[in-house]
Amino acid sequence: MQALMQMQPIKGIDDPSRIRVVIFVNGQMLHVALPELLKAQQSTLTDLEARVAALESASSGPLP
């Protein structure tokens, strides 16, 4: 645990695909490339933005 406290921030990444994220699940240590981890979040965010836009455009019409 002491080693984790001494970790330094990453600066000046030329190739973000080389960043790996370590995840602990059910007592196992897994790793994944950062862009792969973010793809699912970006997709979810894009879907949410589309839903919000649809709601906003639907409510801009006359109210019943």
N, C-alpha and C. Protein backbone atom coordinates (compact mmCIF):
# COMPACT_ATOMS: atom_id res chain seq x y z
N MET A 1 0.82 -1.20 0.00
CA MET A 1 0.00 0.00 0.00
C MET A 1 0.86 1.26 0.00
N GLN A 2 2.01 1.18 0.63
CA GLN A 2 2.91 2.32 0.68
C GLN A 2 3.33 2.75 -0.73
N ALA A 3 3.56 1.77 -1.63
CA ALA A 3 3.97 2.09 -3.00
C ALA A 3 2.90 2.87 -3.73
N LEU A 4 1.63 2.56 -3.46
CA LEU A 4 0.55 3.28 -4.13
C LEU A 4 0.53 4.75 -3.73
N MET A 5 0.91 5.04 -2.52
CA MET A 5 0.90 6.42 -2.03
C MET A 5 2.02 7.24 -2.68
N GLN A 6 3.03 6.59 -3.24
CA GLN A 6 4.16 7.29 -3.82
C GLN A 6 4.05 7.43 -5.33
N MET A 7 2.94 7.03 -5.92
CA MET A 7 2.78 7.10 -7.37
C MET A 7 2.73 8.56 -7.83
N GLN A 8 3.35 8.82 -8.96
CA GLN A 8 3.39 10.16 -9.52
C GLN A 8 2.37 10.29 -10.65
N PRO A 9 1.82 11.50 -10.88
CA PRO A 9 0.90 11.68 -11.99
C PRO A 9 1.60 11.53 -13.34
N ILE A 10 0.83 11.13 -14.34
CA ILE A 10 1.37 10.95 -15.69
C ILE A 10 1.22 12.25 -16.45
N LYS A 11 2.28 12.66 -17.13
CA LYS A 11 2.23 13.90 -17.91
C LYS A 11 2.74 13.62 -19.32
N GLY A 12 2.22 14.34 -20.30
CA GLY A 12 2.75 14.30 -21.66
C GLY A 12 2.65 12.96 -22.34
N ILE A 13 1.49 12.35 -22.30
CA ILE A 13 1.31 11.04 -22.95
C ILE A 13 1.21 11.24 -24.46
N ASP A 14 2.11 10.62 -25.21
CA ASP A 14 2.08 10.71 -26.66
C ASP A 14 1.09 9.73 -27.26
N ASP A 15 0.92 8.57 -26.64
CA ASP A 15 0.05 7.52 -27.17
C ASP A 15 -0.88 7.02 -26.06
N PRO A 16 -2.09 7.62 -25.93
CA PRO A 16 -3.01 7.23 -24.85
C PRO A 16 -3.40 5.75 -24.87
N SER A 17 -3.28 5.09 -26.02
CA SER A 17 -3.66 3.68 -26.08
C SER A 17 -2.70 2.81 -25.27
N ARG A 18 -1.56 3.36 -24.91
CA ARG A 18 -0.60 2.59 -24.12
C ARG A 18 -0.87 2.69 -22.62
N ILE A 19 -1.83 3.52 -22.21
CA ILE A 19 -2.18 3.63 -20.80
C ILE A 19 -3.06 2.44 -20.44
N ARG A 20 -2.68 1.75 -19.39
CA ARG A 20 -3.46 0.61 -18.90
C ARG A 20 -4.06 0.98 -17.56
N VAL A 21 -5.29 0.55 -17.34
CA VAL A 21 -5.99 0.79 -16.08
C VAL A 21 -6.12 -0.55 -15.36
N VAL A 22 -5.74 -0.57 -14.09
CA VAL A 22 -5.84 -1.79 -13.29
C VAL A 22 -7.14 -1.73 -12.49
N ILE A 23 -7.89 -2.83 -12.54
CA ILE A 23 -9.17 -2.93 -11.85
C ILE A 23 -9.13 -4.17 -10.97
N PHE A 24 -9.59 -4.04 -9.75
CA PHE A 24 -9.69 -5.19 -8.84
C PHE A 24 -11.14 -5.63 -8.80
N VAL A 25 -11.40 -6.89 -9.20
CA VAL A 25 -12.74 -7.45 -9.23
C VAL A 25 -12.70 -8.84 -8.61
N ASN A 26 -13.54 -9.06 -7.60
CA ASN A 26 -13.64 -10.39 -6.98
C ASN A 26 -12.27 -10.96 -6.60
N GLY A 27 -11.43 -10.12 -6.05
CA GLY A 27 -10.12 -10.58 -5.61
C GLY A 27 -9.10 -10.78 -6.72
N GLN A 28 -9.46 -10.42 -7.95
CA GLN A 28 -8.54 -10.56 -9.07
C GLN A 28 -8.13 -9.18 -9.59
N MET A 29 -6.91 -9.11 -10.08
CA MET A 29 -6.41 -7.88 -10.67
C MET A 29 -6.51 -8.02 -12.20
N LEU A 30 -7.26 -7.14 -12.82
CA LEU A 30 -7.43 -7.14 -14.28
C LEU A 30 -6.89 -5.82 -14.82
N HIS A 31 -6.53 -5.80 -16.10
CA HIS A 31 -6.10 -4.54 -16.70
C HIS A 31 -6.73 -4.40 -18.08
N VAL A 32 -6.92 -3.16 -18.47
CA VAL A 32 -7.53 -2.85 -19.75
C VAL A 32 -6.92 -1.54 -20.26
N ALA A 33 -6.88 -1.39 -21.57
CA ALA A 33 -6.40 -0.13 -22.15
C ALA A 33 -7.42 0.97 -21.85
N LEU A 34 -6.94 2.13 -21.47
CA LEU A 34 -7.83 3.24 -21.12
C LEU A 34 -8.84 3.57 -22.22
N PRO A 35 -8.44 3.66 -23.50
CA PRO A 35 -9.43 3.97 -24.53
C PRO A 35 -10.55 2.92 -24.62
N GLU A 36 -10.22 1.66 -24.38
CA GLU A 36 -11.25 0.61 -24.41
C GLU A 36 -12.23 0.78 -23.25
N LEU A 37 -11.71 1.16 -22.10
CA LEU A 37 -12.56 1.38 -20.93
C LEU A 37 -13.49 2.57 -21.16
N LEU A 38 -12.99 3.59 -21.84
CA LEU A 38 -13.79 4.79 -22.06
C LEU A 38 -14.80 4.65 -23.19
N LYS A 39 -14.62 3.69 -24.10
CA LYS A 39 -15.55 3.51 -25.22
C LYS A 39 -16.98 3.29 -24.74
N ALA A 40 -17.15 2.42 -23.76
CA ALA A 40 -18.49 2.14 -23.24
C ALA A 40 -19.09 3.38 -22.60
N GLN A 41 -18.28 4.14 -21.88
CA GLN A 41 -18.77 5.36 -21.25
C GLN A 41 -19.14 6.41 -22.29
N GLN A 42 -18.34 6.53 -23.34
CA GLN A 42 -18.63 7.49 -24.40
C GLN A 42 -19.92 7.12 -25.12
N SER A 43 -20.14 5.84 -25.36
CA SER A 43 -21.35 5.37 -26.02
C SER A 43 -22.58 5.69 -25.16
N THR A 44 -22.47 5.43 -23.86
CA THR A 44 -23.57 5.71 -22.94
C THR A 44 -23.85 7.21 -22.90
N LEU A 45 -22.81 8.02 -22.86
CA LEU A 45 -22.96 9.47 -22.83
C LEU A 45 -23.61 9.98 -24.12
N THR A 46 -23.21 9.44 -25.26
CA THR A 46 -23.79 9.83 -26.54
C THR A 46 -25.28 9.49 -26.58
N ASP A 47 -25.64 8.31 -26.10
CA ASP A 47 -27.06 7.91 -26.04
C ASP A 47 -27.85 8.83 -25.12
N LEU A 48 -27.28 9.17 -23.99
CA LEU A 48 -27.96 10.06 -23.04
C LEU A 48 -28.15 11.45 -23.63
N GLU A 49 -27.13 11.95 -24.32
CA GLU A 49 -27.25 13.27 -24.95
C GLU A 49 -28.35 13.27 -26.01
N ALA A 50 -28.48 12.18 -26.77
CA ALA A 50 -29.53 12.08 -27.78
C ALA A 50 -30.91 12.06 -27.13
N ARG A 51 -31.04 11.36 -26.01
CA ARG A 51 -32.32 11.32 -25.31
C ARG A 51 -32.70 12.68 -24.75
N VAL A 52 -31.73 13.40 -24.19
CA VAL A 52 -31.98 14.74 -23.66
C VAL A 52 -32.39 15.68 -24.79
N ALA A 53 -31.71 15.60 -25.92
CA ALA A 53 -32.05 16.45 -27.06
C ALA A 53 -33.47 16.16 -27.55
N ALA A 54 -33.84 14.88 -27.59
CA ALA A 54 -35.20 14.51 -28.02
C ALA A 54 -36.24 15.06 -27.04
N LEU A 55 -35.97 14.96 -25.76
CA LEU A 55 -36.90 15.51 -24.77
C LEU A 55 -37.02 17.02 -24.88
N GLU A 56 -35.89 17.68 -25.10
CA GLU A 56 -35.91 19.14 -25.23
C GLU A 56 -36.68 19.57 -26.46
N SER A 57 -36.50 18.87 -27.57
CA SER A 57 -37.21 19.26 -28.79
C SER A 57 -38.70 18.94 -28.67
N ALA A 58 -39.04 17.87 -27.96
CA ALA A 58 -40.45 17.52 -27.78
C ALA A 58 -41.15 18.53 -26.87
N SER A 59 -40.45 19.07 -25.90
CA SER A 59 -41.08 20.01 -24.96
C SER A 59 -41.12 21.44 -25.51
N SER A 60 -40.44 21.70 -26.63
CA SER A 60 -40.43 23.06 -27.17
C SER A 60 -41.72 23.38 -27.92
N GLY A 61 -42.50 22.35 -28.20
CA GLY A 61 -43.79 22.58 -28.89
C GLY A 61 -44.82 23.09 -27.90
N PRO A 62 -46.04 23.35 -28.37
CA PRO A 62 -47.10 23.87 -27.50
C PRO A 62 -47.49 22.83 -26.44
N LEU A 63 -47.70 23.30 -25.25
CA LEU A 63 -48.14 22.42 -24.17
C LEU A 63 -49.63 22.14 -24.29
N PRO A 64 -50.08 20.95 -23.94
CA PRO A 64 -51.52 20.62 -24.03
C PRO A 64 -52.36 21.37 -23.03
